[in-house]
N, C-alpha and C. Protein backbone atom coordinates (compact mmCIF):
# COMPACT_ATOMS: atom_id res chain seq x y z
N ALA A 1 35.94 45.37 57.03
CA ALA A 1 37.18 46.08 57.28
C ALA A 1 37.10 47.53 56.81
N GLY A 2 36.16 47.82 55.88
CA GLY A 2 36.03 49.16 55.36
C GLY A 2 35.04 49.99 56.15
N ALA A 3 34.72 51.15 55.61
CA ALA A 3 33.80 52.08 56.27
C ALA A 3 32.34 51.71 56.03
N GLU A 4 32.07 50.83 55.08
CA GLU A 4 30.68 50.48 54.77
C GLU A 4 30.15 49.45 55.75
N LEU A 5 29.06 49.81 56.46
CA LEU A 5 28.46 48.89 57.41
C LEU A 5 27.50 47.93 56.72
N LEU A 6 26.72 48.47 55.80
CA LEU A 6 25.78 47.64 55.05
C LEU A 6 25.38 48.37 53.79
N PHE A 7 24.73 47.64 52.90
CA PHE A 7 24.25 48.22 51.65
C PHE A 7 22.76 47.94 51.57
N ASP A 8 21.97 48.98 51.58
CA ASP A 8 20.51 48.87 51.60
C ASP A 8 19.98 48.87 50.17
N LYS A 9 19.18 47.86 49.85
CA LYS A 9 18.50 47.78 48.55
C LYS A 9 17.02 47.62 48.81
N ARG A 10 16.22 48.47 48.19
CA ARG A 10 14.76 48.38 48.34
C ARG A 10 14.10 48.50 46.98
N ARG A 11 13.02 47.75 46.85
CA ARG A 11 12.18 47.86 45.65
C ARG A 11 10.80 48.31 46.10
N TYR A 12 10.22 49.18 45.31
CA TYR A 12 8.85 49.60 45.60
C TYR A 12 8.13 49.91 44.29
N THR A 13 6.83 49.89 44.38
CA THR A 13 5.99 50.25 43.26
C THR A 13 5.21 51.49 43.66
N PRO A 14 5.35 52.58 42.91
CA PRO A 14 4.58 53.79 43.23
C PRO A 14 3.08 53.49 43.16
N PRO A 15 2.27 54.18 43.97
CA PRO A 15 0.83 53.91 43.98
C PRO A 15 0.16 54.04 42.62
N ASP A 16 0.67 54.93 41.79
CA ASP A 16 0.06 55.13 40.48
C ASP A 16 0.83 54.45 39.35
N GLY A 17 1.72 53.52 39.68
CA GLY A 17 2.54 52.87 38.67
C GLY A 17 2.40 51.37 38.68
N ASP A 18 3.02 50.74 37.68
CA ASP A 18 3.01 49.28 37.63
C ASP A 18 4.41 48.72 37.48
N GLN A 19 5.40 49.59 37.49
CA GLN A 19 6.79 49.17 37.41
C GLN A 19 7.46 49.37 38.77
N THR A 20 8.24 48.38 39.21
CA THR A 20 8.97 48.55 40.46
C THR A 20 10.19 49.42 40.22
N ARG A 21 10.60 50.10 41.28
CA ARG A 21 11.80 50.93 41.23
C ARG A 21 12.76 50.44 42.31
N LEU A 22 14.02 50.47 41.98
CA LEU A 22 15.06 50.02 42.91
C LEU A 22 15.76 51.24 43.49
N LEU A 23 15.85 51.28 44.81
CA LEU A 23 16.62 52.29 45.51
C LEU A 23 17.78 51.59 46.20
N THR A 24 18.97 52.13 46.09
CA THR A 24 20.14 51.56 46.76
C THR A 24 20.86 52.66 47.52
N GLN A 25 21.45 52.28 48.65
CA GLN A 25 22.14 53.28 49.46
C GLN A 25 23.16 52.58 50.36
N PRO A 26 24.44 52.94 50.25
CA PRO A 26 25.40 52.39 51.21
C PRO A 26 25.23 53.11 52.55
N VAL A 27 25.42 52.39 53.65
CA VAL A 27 25.40 52.97 54.98
C VAL A 27 26.83 52.88 55.51
N LEU A 28 27.41 54.05 55.74
CA LEU A 28 28.81 54.11 56.14
C LEU A 28 28.94 54.34 57.63
N ALA A 29 30.00 53.82 58.20
CA ALA A 29 30.27 54.00 59.64
C ALA A 29 30.53 55.47 59.93
N GLY A 30 29.97 55.94 61.02
CA GLY A 30 30.24 57.31 61.45
C GLY A 30 29.46 58.37 60.71
N THR A 31 28.48 57.99 59.90
CA THR A 31 27.69 58.99 59.19
C THR A 31 26.29 59.03 59.76
N GLY A 32 25.67 60.15 59.66
CA GLY A 32 24.30 60.28 60.12
C GLY A 32 24.22 60.51 61.61
N PRO A 33 23.02 60.77 62.07
CA PRO A 33 22.84 61.04 63.50
C PRO A 33 22.96 59.76 64.34
N ALA A 34 23.24 59.95 65.61
CA ALA A 34 23.30 58.81 66.53
C ALA A 34 21.89 58.25 66.69
N PRO A 35 21.76 56.96 66.96
CA PRO A 35 20.43 56.37 67.15
C PRO A 35 19.71 57.03 68.32
N SER A 36 18.40 57.18 68.18
CA SER A 36 17.61 57.80 69.24
C SER A 36 17.49 56.87 70.44
N THR A 37 17.06 57.43 71.54
CA THR A 37 16.83 56.64 72.75
C THR A 37 15.80 55.56 72.48
N ASP A 38 14.72 55.93 71.77
CA ASP A 38 13.68 54.94 71.46
C ASP A 38 14.24 53.80 70.61
N PHE A 39 15.05 54.13 69.61
CA PHE A 39 15.63 53.09 68.75
C PHE A 39 16.51 52.15 69.56
N ARG A 40 17.34 52.71 70.43
CA ARG A 40 18.26 51.88 71.22
C ARG A 40 17.48 50.98 72.17
N PHE A 41 16.39 51.50 72.76
CA PHE A 41 15.58 50.67 73.64
C PHE A 41 14.90 49.55 72.85
N GLN A 42 14.37 49.88 71.69
CA GLN A 42 13.72 48.87 70.85
C GLN A 42 14.71 47.79 70.43
N ALA A 43 15.94 48.18 70.16
CA ALA A 43 16.97 47.20 69.79
C ALA A 43 17.23 46.24 70.96
N ALA A 44 17.23 46.76 72.19
CA ALA A 44 17.42 45.90 73.36
C ALA A 44 16.27 44.91 73.49
N VAL A 45 15.04 45.38 73.26
CA VAL A 45 13.87 44.50 73.34
C VAL A 45 13.98 43.40 72.28
N ALA A 46 14.35 43.77 71.06
CA ALA A 46 14.48 42.79 69.99
C ALA A 46 15.58 41.77 70.30
N GLU A 47 16.68 42.26 70.87
CA GLU A 47 17.79 41.36 71.20
C GLU A 47 17.38 40.34 72.26
N LEU A 48 16.60 40.79 73.26
CA LEU A 48 16.12 39.85 74.27
C LEU A 48 15.22 38.80 73.62
N GLY A 49 14.36 39.22 72.71
CA GLY A 49 13.49 38.27 72.02
C GLY A 49 14.29 37.21 71.27
N LEU A 50 15.36 37.63 70.61
CA LEU A 50 16.20 36.67 69.89
C LEU A 50 16.83 35.66 70.85
N LEU A 51 17.25 36.16 72.02
CA LEU A 51 17.86 35.27 73.01
C LEU A 51 16.84 34.29 73.59
N LEU A 52 15.65 34.80 73.92
CA LEU A 52 14.64 33.92 74.52
C LEU A 52 14.18 32.83 73.56
N ARG A 53 14.15 33.14 72.28
CA ARG A 53 13.75 32.15 71.29
C ARG A 53 14.91 31.28 70.84
N ASN A 54 16.11 31.61 71.32
CA ASN A 54 17.32 30.93 70.86
C ASN A 54 17.37 30.95 69.33
N SER A 55 17.11 32.12 68.79
CA SER A 55 17.02 32.31 67.35
C SER A 55 18.34 32.01 66.64
N GLN A 56 18.22 31.46 65.47
CA GLN A 56 19.42 31.23 64.65
C GLN A 56 20.02 32.56 64.19
N PHE A 57 19.28 33.66 64.33
CA PHE A 57 19.74 34.98 63.90
C PHE A 57 20.26 35.83 65.04
N LYS A 58 20.45 35.23 66.22
CA LYS A 58 20.85 36.01 67.39
C LYS A 58 22.29 36.51 67.31
N GLY A 59 23.10 35.91 66.48
CA GLY A 59 24.47 36.36 66.32
C GLY A 59 25.20 36.42 67.64
N LYS A 60 25.71 37.59 67.99
CA LYS A 60 26.45 37.77 69.24
C LYS A 60 25.59 38.41 70.31
N ALA A 61 24.28 38.21 70.24
CA ALA A 61 23.37 38.78 71.25
C ALA A 61 23.80 38.32 72.63
N ASP A 62 23.66 39.22 73.59
CA ASP A 62 24.17 38.95 74.93
C ASP A 62 23.23 39.59 75.95
N LEU A 63 22.82 38.83 76.95
CA LEU A 63 21.87 39.31 77.95
C LEU A 63 22.42 40.48 78.76
N ALA A 64 23.69 40.46 79.09
CA ALA A 64 24.27 41.58 79.84
C ALA A 64 24.17 42.87 79.02
N ARG A 65 24.40 42.79 77.72
CA ARG A 65 24.29 43.96 76.85
C ARG A 65 22.85 44.42 76.74
N VAL A 66 21.90 43.47 76.70
CA VAL A 66 20.47 43.83 76.67
C VAL A 66 20.14 44.68 77.88
N ILE A 67 20.54 44.22 79.05
CA ILE A 67 20.22 44.93 80.29
C ILE A 67 20.89 46.30 80.32
N ALA A 68 22.16 46.36 79.98
CA ALA A 68 22.88 47.63 79.99
C ALA A 68 22.29 48.61 78.98
N SER A 69 21.98 48.12 77.79
CA SER A 69 21.41 48.99 76.75
C SER A 69 20.04 49.51 77.15
N ALA A 70 19.21 48.63 77.70
CA ALA A 70 17.86 49.04 78.11
C ALA A 70 17.93 50.05 79.24
N ARG A 71 18.83 49.85 80.19
CA ARG A 71 18.99 50.83 81.28
C ARG A 71 19.42 52.18 80.74
N ASP A 72 20.39 52.14 79.83
CA ASP A 72 20.95 53.37 79.26
C ASP A 72 19.91 54.11 78.42
N ALA A 73 18.99 53.39 77.81
CA ALA A 73 18.04 54.00 76.88
C ALA A 73 16.63 54.11 77.46
N ARG A 74 16.51 54.12 78.76
CA ARG A 74 15.16 54.23 79.36
C ARG A 74 14.50 55.53 79.00
N GLY A 75 15.24 56.62 79.03
CA GLY A 75 14.68 57.91 78.67
C GLY A 75 13.44 58.23 79.49
N ALA A 76 12.50 58.97 78.87
CA ALA A 76 11.24 59.30 79.53
C ALA A 76 10.43 58.01 79.65
N ASP A 77 9.99 57.72 80.86
CA ASP A 77 9.27 56.47 81.12
C ASP A 77 8.11 56.75 82.08
N PRO A 78 7.14 57.58 81.65
CA PRO A 78 6.09 58.00 82.58
C PRO A 78 5.24 56.86 83.13
N GLU A 79 5.06 55.80 82.38
CA GLU A 79 4.24 54.67 82.82
C GLU A 79 5.06 53.57 83.49
N GLY A 80 6.38 53.67 83.39
CA GLY A 80 7.26 52.69 84.03
C GLY A 80 7.45 51.40 83.24
N TYR A 81 7.03 51.38 81.98
CA TYR A 81 7.14 50.16 81.19
C TYR A 81 8.60 49.81 80.88
N ARG A 82 9.40 50.81 80.62
CA ARG A 82 10.81 50.53 80.30
C ARG A 82 11.55 50.01 81.53
N ALA A 83 11.26 50.59 82.68
CA ALA A 83 11.87 50.09 83.92
C ALA A 83 11.43 48.65 84.17
N GLU A 84 10.18 48.36 83.88
CA GLU A 84 9.67 46.99 84.06
C GLU A 84 10.38 46.03 83.12
N PHE A 85 10.66 46.47 81.89
CA PHE A 85 11.40 45.62 80.95
C PHE A 85 12.78 45.30 81.51
N VAL A 86 13.45 46.29 82.07
CA VAL A 86 14.78 46.06 82.66
C VAL A 86 14.68 45.03 83.77
N ARG A 87 13.67 45.17 84.64
CA ARG A 87 13.49 44.20 85.73
C ARG A 87 13.21 42.80 85.16
N MET A 88 12.43 42.73 84.09
CA MET A 88 12.13 41.43 83.48
C MET A 88 13.41 40.80 82.91
N ALA A 89 14.23 41.60 82.24
CA ALA A 89 15.48 41.08 81.66
C ALA A 89 16.41 40.59 82.78
N GLU A 90 16.43 41.31 83.88
CA GLU A 90 17.25 40.87 85.02
C GLU A 90 16.71 39.57 85.60
N ALA A 91 15.39 39.40 85.62
CA ALA A 91 14.80 38.14 86.09
C ALA A 91 15.16 37.00 85.16
N VAL A 92 15.18 37.27 83.86
CA VAL A 92 15.58 36.25 82.88
C VAL A 92 17.00 35.81 83.18
N ARG A 93 17.86 36.77 83.48
CA ARG A 93 19.25 36.43 83.81
C ARG A 93 19.29 35.58 85.08
N GLY A 94 18.45 35.94 86.05
CA GLY A 94 18.44 35.24 87.33
C GLY A 94 17.98 33.79 87.22
N ILE A 95 17.07 33.50 86.30
CA ILE A 95 16.58 32.12 86.17
C ILE A 95 17.19 31.39 85.00
N GLY A 96 18.04 32.07 84.24
CA GLY A 96 18.78 31.42 83.17
C GLY A 96 17.96 31.00 81.96
N LEU A 97 16.94 31.81 81.59
CA LEU A 97 16.13 31.46 80.42
C LEU A 97 16.80 31.73 79.09
N ALA A 98 17.62 32.77 79.03
CA ALA A 98 18.26 33.13 77.76
C ALA A 98 19.42 32.19 77.49
N ARG A 99 19.38 31.56 76.33
CA ARG A 99 20.42 30.60 75.95
C ARG A 99 21.43 31.25 75.05
N LYS A 100 22.67 30.89 75.24
CA LYS A 100 23.73 31.45 74.39
C LYS A 100 23.90 30.62 73.16
């Protein structure tokens, strides 16, 4: 209900150290730059994977959103791989492989 989307906690050990350090950072709604085209496309690919595996972590993943997001985030596609992904996701919809 608040502005906080998530709270990031990370531990790391510096290369020259033996003690771990904790970094924490709240991520607030509406802060920071918008996600890049590459990030949005990768998110669509990951969402399709969750659907195809019927993952317990798929949450509200939706095939229509995968297709729309991938189309919207095609960006530069000189080899045509992103367009091919969109066609593949549409084929998945056509044969009903993705389970809700």
